[in-house]
Amino acid sequence: MFSSHAVINLEGWEGATFYQEFTWETGDPAEPVDLTDVTARMQVRADVADDDPVFDLTTENGGIIILSPATDGKYAIFLTPAQTLGICPDHEKRSLVYDLFFDHGIDNDTGMQQRGKFTFNPAVTRAD
């Protein structure tokens, strides 16, 4: 199985870039997982039962980045300021849920890498 099921809560700010790097390691002693030829997808929703995602991030659209060299097991989640602008209606803190899946491309080996809450804080400083 190609997954770790880690629970990782994320925190971002309305109207700001969100960029966070991760390293996937496994074993004892821990060794990085080779992410060569891996694709990823992540959806963020207000509630797990909601039909429409707030964010739909993939390696194809640049929302999930496999960092070089892929053999180091490093990847990042990336949202632009334009994507996070207005994410907090009425400037209230917003708590969302997410999960991120990796597809190894071998024998349909897809697995959940991580999941958790994705909290966005309202911005005091805003564009005019």
Protein backbone atom coordinates (compact mmCIF):
# COMPACT_ATOMS: atom_id res chain seq x y z
CA MET A 1 0.00 0.00 0.00
CA PHE A 2 1.31 3.39 -0.98
CA SER A 3 0.13 5.64 1.86
CA SER A 4 0.81 6.84 5.38
CA HIS A 5 -2.57 8.19 6.62
CA ALA A 6 -0.88 10.97 8.59
CA VAL A 7 -3.14 13.49 10.35
CA ILE A 8 -1.67 16.93 9.69
CA ASN A 9 -3.63 20.10 10.42
CA LEU A 10 -2.85 23.10 8.22
CA GLU A 11 -3.29 26.84 8.81
CA GLY A 12 -3.40 29.65 6.26
CA TRP A 13 -4.42 33.28 5.96
CA GLU A 14 -7.04 34.89 3.76
CA GLY A 15 -5.51 36.62 0.72
CA ALA A 16 -2.01 35.23 1.33
CA THR A 17 0.14 32.59 -0.31
CA PHE A 18 -0.03 29.20 1.36
CA TYR A 19 3.07 27.07 0.82
CA GLN A 20 4.10 24.22 3.08
CA GLU A 21 6.66 21.50 2.44
CA PHE A 22 6.53 17.94 3.73
CA THR A 23 8.87 14.95 3.69
CA TRP A 24 7.44 11.46 3.50
CA GLU A 25 9.67 8.95 5.26
CA THR A 26 9.03 5.38 6.27
CA GLY A 27 10.86 2.52 7.99
CA ASP A 28 13.24 2.21 10.91
CA PRO A 29 15.54 3.99 10.43
CA ALA A 30 13.35 6.40 8.48
CA GLU A 31 14.14 6.65 4.77
CA PRO A 32 12.51 9.02 2.25
CA VAL A 33 9.86 7.53 -0.05
CA ASP A 34 10.78 7.87 -3.74
CA LEU A 35 8.11 10.08 -5.35
CA THR A 36 9.41 9.66 -8.91
CA ASP A 37 6.45 9.43 -11.35
CA VAL A 38 3.96 9.98 -8.51
CA THR A 39 0.92 12.19 -9.04
CA ALA A 40 -1.13 13.71 -6.24
CA ARG A 41 -4.60 15.12 -5.69
CA MET A 42 -6.08 16.96 -2.75
CA GLN A 43 -9.53 18.37 -2.14
CA VAL A 44 -10.52 20.81 0.57
CA ARG A 45 -14.19 21.06 1.58
CA ALA A 46 -16.22 22.91 4.18
CA ASP A 47 -17.55 19.51 5.29
CA VAL A 48 -16.66 15.98 4.17
CA ALA A 49 -20.25 15.53 2.87
CA ASP A 50 -20.22 18.68 0.67
CA ASP A 51 -20.46 18.05 -3.07
CA ASP A 52 -18.30 20.95 -4.22
CA PRO A 53 -14.69 21.37 -3.08
CA VAL A 54 -13.43 24.78 -1.95
CA PHE A 55 -10.02 23.87 -3.44
CA ASP A 56 -9.14 21.10 -5.89
CA LEU A 57 -5.35 20.75 -5.98
CA THR A 58 -3.29 18.36 -8.11
CA THR A 59 0.23 17.89 -9.38
CA GLU A 60 -1.19 18.75 -12.81
CA ASN A 61 -2.58 22.17 -11.77
CA GLY A 62 0.41 23.09 -9.56
CA GLY A 63 -1.41 22.88 -6.23
CA ILE A 64 0.71 19.87 -5.20
CA ILE A 65 4.40 20.04 -6.08
CA ILE A 66 6.76 17.07 -6.04
CA LEU A 67 10.08 18.68 -5.14
CA SER A 68 13.35 17.79 -6.83
CA PRO A 69 14.91 15.36 -6.50
CA ALA A 70 11.79 13.22 -6.17
CA THR A 71 13.87 10.50 -4.50
CA ASP A 72 14.09 12.75 -1.38
CA GLY A 73 10.36 12.22 -0.64
CA LYS A 74 9.63 15.96 -0.51
CA TYR A 75 6.42 17.58 -1.70
CA ALA A 76 4.56 20.85 -1.11
CA ILE A 77 1.03 22.20 -1.02
CA PHE A 78 0.63 25.56 -2.76
CA LEU A 79 -2.21 28.10 -2.93
CA THR A 80 -1.91 31.57 -4.45
CA PRO A 81 -3.20 34.78 -2.82
CA ALA A 82 -5.91 34.93 -5.50
CA GLN A 83 -7.12 31.48 -4.41
CA THR A 84 -7.26 32.34 -0.70
CA LEU A 85 -8.74 35.82 -1.18
CA GLY A 86 -12.27 35.90 0.26
CA ILE A 87 -11.95 32.43 1.82
CA CYS A 88 -13.23 33.81 5.15
CA PRO A 89 -16.78 35.12 4.64
CA ASP A 90 -17.56 38.05 6.95
CA HIS A 91 -13.90 37.89 8.04
CA GLU A 92 -14.58 34.97 10.38
CA LYS A 93 -12.07 32.16 10.94
CA ARG A 94 -12.97 29.21 8.71
CA SER A 95 -12.30 25.54 9.43
CA LEU A 96 -12.28 23.18 6.46
CA VAL A 97 -11.33 19.50 5.98
CA TYR A 98 -8.97 17.96 3.44
CA ASP A 99 -7.24 14.80 2.33
CA LEU A 100 -4.34 14.23 -0.04
CA PHE A 101 -3.85 11.10 -2.15
CA PHE A 102 -0.76 9.90 -4.02
CA ASP A 103 -1.01 7.73 -7.13
CA HIS A 104 2.08 5.65 -7.70
CA GLY A 105 0.90 4.60 -11.16
CA ILE A 106 1.75 0.94 -10.61
CA ASP A 107 -1.11 -1.56 -10.39
CA ASN A 108 -3.56 1.24 -9.51
CA ASP A 109 -1.66 1.82 -6.26
CA THR A 110 -3.35 4.93 -4.85
CA GLY A 111 -3.36 5.73 -1.17
CA MET A 112 -4.15 8.48 1.28
CA GLN A 113 -1.01 10.29 2.35
CA GLN A 114 -2.47 12.76 4.81
CA ARG A 115 -5.68 14.32 6.04
CA GLY A 116 -6.83 16.85 8.58
CA LYS A 117 -8.31 20.27 9.19
CA PHE A 118 -7.35 23.27 7.09
CA THR A 119 -8.03 26.45 9.06
CA PHE A 120 -8.01 29.88 7.43
CA ASN A 121 -7.62 33.07 9.43
CA PRO A 122 -9.21 36.33 8.29
CA ALA A 123 -6.82 39.06 7.19
CA VAL A 124 -6.85 42.45 8.86
CA THR A 125 -4.76 43.97 6.06
CA ARG A 126 -6.60 43.78 2.75
CA ALA A 127 -6.09 45.19 -0.74
CA ASP A 128 -7.91 48.46 -1.43
